[in-house]
Each structure stands twice: as C-alpha cells, then as structure tokens.
C-alpha atoms as a PDB file:
ATOM      1  CA  UNK A   1       0.000   0.000   0.000  1.00  0.00           C
ATOM      2  CA  UNK A   2       1.205   3.523  -0.741  1.00  0.00           C
ATOM      3  CA  UNK A   3       2.562   5.099   2.426  1.00  0.00           C
ATOM      4  CA  UNK A   4       3.691   1.835   4.005  1.00  0.00           C
ATOM      5  CA  UNK A   5       7.290   1.455   5.096  1.00  0.00           C
ATOM      6  CA  UNK A   6       9.574  -0.473   7.422  1.00  0.00           C
ATOM      7  CA  UNK A   7      12.194   0.769   9.871  1.00  0.00           C
ATOM      8  CA  UNK A   8      15.604   0.443   8.205  1.00  0.00           C
ATOM      9  CA  UNK A   9      17.509   2.246  10.969  1.00  0.00           C
ATOM     10  CA  UNK A  10      16.715   4.702  13.742  1.00  0.00           C
ATOM     11  CA  UNK A  11      18.179   6.920  16.431  1.00  0.00           C
ATOM     12  CA  UNK A  12      16.637   8.067  19.698  1.00  0.00           C
ATOM     13  CA  UNK A  13      17.289  11.739  20.386  1.00  0.00           C
ATOM     14  CA  UNK A  14      17.895  12.729  24.010  1.00  0.00           C
ATOM     15  CA  UNK A  15      18.686  16.144  25.491  1.00  0.00           C
ATOM     16  CA  UNK A  16      20.500  18.346  24.783  1.00  0.00           C
ATOM     17  CA  UNK A  17      18.706  19.249  21.583  1.00  0.00           C
ATOM     18  CA  UNK A  18      17.564  22.509  20.053  1.00  0.00           C
ATOM     19  CA  UNK A  19      15.264  24.377  22.456  1.00  0.00           C
ATOM     20  CA  UNK A  20      12.227  23.919  20.168  1.00  0.00           C
ATOM     21  CA  UNK A  21      12.485  20.116  20.539  1.00  0.00           C
ATOM     22  CA  UNK A  22      13.416  19.872  24.225  1.00  0.00           C
ATOM     23  CA  UNK A  23       9.848  19.253  25.458  1.00  0.00           C
ATOM     24  CA  UNK A  24       9.494  16.323  23.026  1.00  0.00           C
ATOM     25  CA  UNK A  25      12.575  14.354  24.092  1.00  0.00           C
ATOM     26  CA  UNK A  26      13.272  11.560  23.894  1.00  0.00           C
ATOM     27  CA  UNK A  27      11.951  11.015  20.365  1.00  0.00           C
ATOM     28  CA  UNK A  28      12.805   8.653  17.545  1.00  0.00           C
ATOM     29  CA  UNK A  29      13.968   9.580  14.056  1.00  0.00           C
ATOM     30  CA  UNK A  30      13.819   6.693  11.605  1.00  0.00           C
ATOM     31  CA  UNK A  31      15.296   5.934   8.219  1.00  0.00           C
ATOM     32  CA  UNK A  32      12.474   4.019   6.571  1.00  0.00           C
ATOM     33  CA  UNK A  33      12.432   1.758   3.548  1.00  0.00           C
ATOM     34  CA  UNK A  34       9.355   2.341   1.395  1.00  0.00           C
ATOM     35  CA  UNK A  35       7.171  -0.681   0.578  1.00  0.00           C
ATOM     36  CA  UNK A  36       6.688   0.482  -3.026  1.00  0.00           C
ATOM     37  CA  UNK A  37      10.401   0.250  -3.773  1.00  0.00           C
ATOM     38  CA  UNK A  38      13.006  -1.041  -1.305  1.00  0.00           C
ATOM     39  CA  UNK A  39      15.663   1.199  -2.881  1.00  0.00           C
ATOM     40  CA  UNK A  40      13.748   4.299  -1.731  1.00  0.00           C
ATOM     41  CA  UNK A  41      14.340   5.545   1.803  1.00  0.00           C
ATOM     42  CA  UNK A  42      13.095   8.550   3.742  1.00  0.00           C
ATOM     43  CA  UNK A  43      13.794  10.070   7.139  1.00  0.00           C
ATOM     44  CA  UNK A  44      11.152  11.222   9.605  1.00  0.00           C
ATOM     45  CA  UNK A  45      10.041  11.205  13.197  1.00  0.00           C
ATOM     46  CA  UNK A  46       8.058   8.274  14.550  1.00  0.00           C
ATOM     47  CA  UNK A  47       4.952   9.665  16.238  1.00  0.00           C
ATOM     48  CA  UNK A  48       2.856   8.263  19.086  1.00  0.00           C
ATOM     49  CA  UNK A  49       5.174   5.356  19.933  1.00  0.00           C
ATOM     50  CA  UNK A  50       7.612   4.972  22.803  1.00  0.00           C
ATOM     51  CA  UNK A  51      11.064   5.356  21.191  1.00  0.00           C
ATOM     52  CA  UNK A  52      12.404   2.312  23.056  1.00  0.00           C
ATOM     53  CA  UNK A  53       9.728   0.127  21.412  1.00  0.00           C
ATOM     54  CA  UNK A  54      11.093   0.590  17.868  1.00  0.00           C
ATOM     55  CA  UNK A  55      12.742  -2.317  16.082  1.00  0.00           C
ATOM     56  CA  UNK A  56      14.446  -2.734  12.717  1.00  0.00           C
ATOM     57  CA  UNK A  57      11.907  -4.085  10.225  1.00  0.00           C
ATOM     58  CA  UNK A  58       8.908  -2.781  12.168  1.00  0.00           C
ATOM     59  CA  UNK A  59       6.037  -1.738   9.881  1.00  0.00           C
ATOM     60  CA  UNK A  60       5.118   1.945   9.668  1.00  0.00           C
ATOM     61  CA  UNK A  61       2.608   4.083   7.806  1.00  0.00           C
ATOM     62  CA  UNK A  62       3.117   7.660   6.649  1.00  0.00           C
ATOM     63  CA  UNK A  63       1.412  10.452   8.610  1.00  0.00           C
ATOM     64  CA  UNK A  64       1.617  13.944   7.153  1.00  0.00           C
ATOM     65  CA  UNK A  65       2.062  16.577   9.852  1.00  0.00           C
ATOM     66  CA  UNK A  66       1.601  20.312   9.284  1.00  0.00           C
ATOM     67  CA  UNK A  67       4.310  21.958  11.376  1.00  0.00           C
ATOM     68  CA  UNK A  68       3.630  25.502  10.179  1.00  0.00           C
ATOM     69  CA  UNK A  69       1.186  27.196   7.848  1.00  0.00           C
ATOM     70  CA  UNK A  70       1.752  25.527   4.493  1.00  0.00           C
ATOM     71  CA  UNK A  71       4.682  23.385   5.724  1.00  0.00           C
ATOM     72  CA  UNK A  72       3.851  19.680   5.805  1.00  0.00           C
ATOM     73  CA  UNK A  73       6.345  16.946   6.672  1.00  0.00           C
ATOM     74  CA  UNK A  74       6.072  13.191   6.211  1.00  0.00           C
ATOM     75  CA  UNK A  75       6.256  11.549   9.610  1.00  0.00           C
ATOM     76  CA  UNK A  76       5.596   7.933  10.585  1.00  0.00           C
ATOM     77  CA  UNK A  77       3.283   5.949  12.867  1.00  0.00           C
ATOM     78  CA  UNK A  78       3.264   2.268  13.709  1.00  0.00           C
ATOM     79  CA  UNK A  79       1.172   0.388  11.147  1.00  0.00           C
ATOM     80  CA  UNK A  80      -2.021  -1.235  12.431  1.00  0.00           C
END
C-alpha cells in the first residue's frame, strides 16, 4: 500500500537538543524503507510510539504533519 514502510535504521534523540524540541525528548527519528520500492528511503520522526519500542523491520505508515502554515512533513506511525 502507498505510504507503508519499514524501519531500516533509527536513532533516539535525548537532550541536549535545540530548544524547540526539548519538550518532546526523547523522540525517535527513523530511516524508513518504502514498501513500493526497497531502494527508496526517507527520514522522519516516529509519532505516538515509545522510542524504546522501535525495532528494525517494524512496519510503519506515513502520517503527514503540518508543522507551520503551508509546511507539511512526512512523519511515521506504527502500522495497524
């Protein structure tokens, strides 16, 4: 399905980070491998999941998040 991916690699960000992100720490940033083509990879935050629960190969689904007026980023959530 379009928007499906799997965790290829990830890092958990802990303080110190930029002040704008400090309230969100720790958070996970994943390199994901897209289901449509395994040679395509993207980077994004993993939302609504405890960072320590992530595993390589775990299934994700894209979640577009508007971070500012007109600025939308692809982020990721655990697939159902």
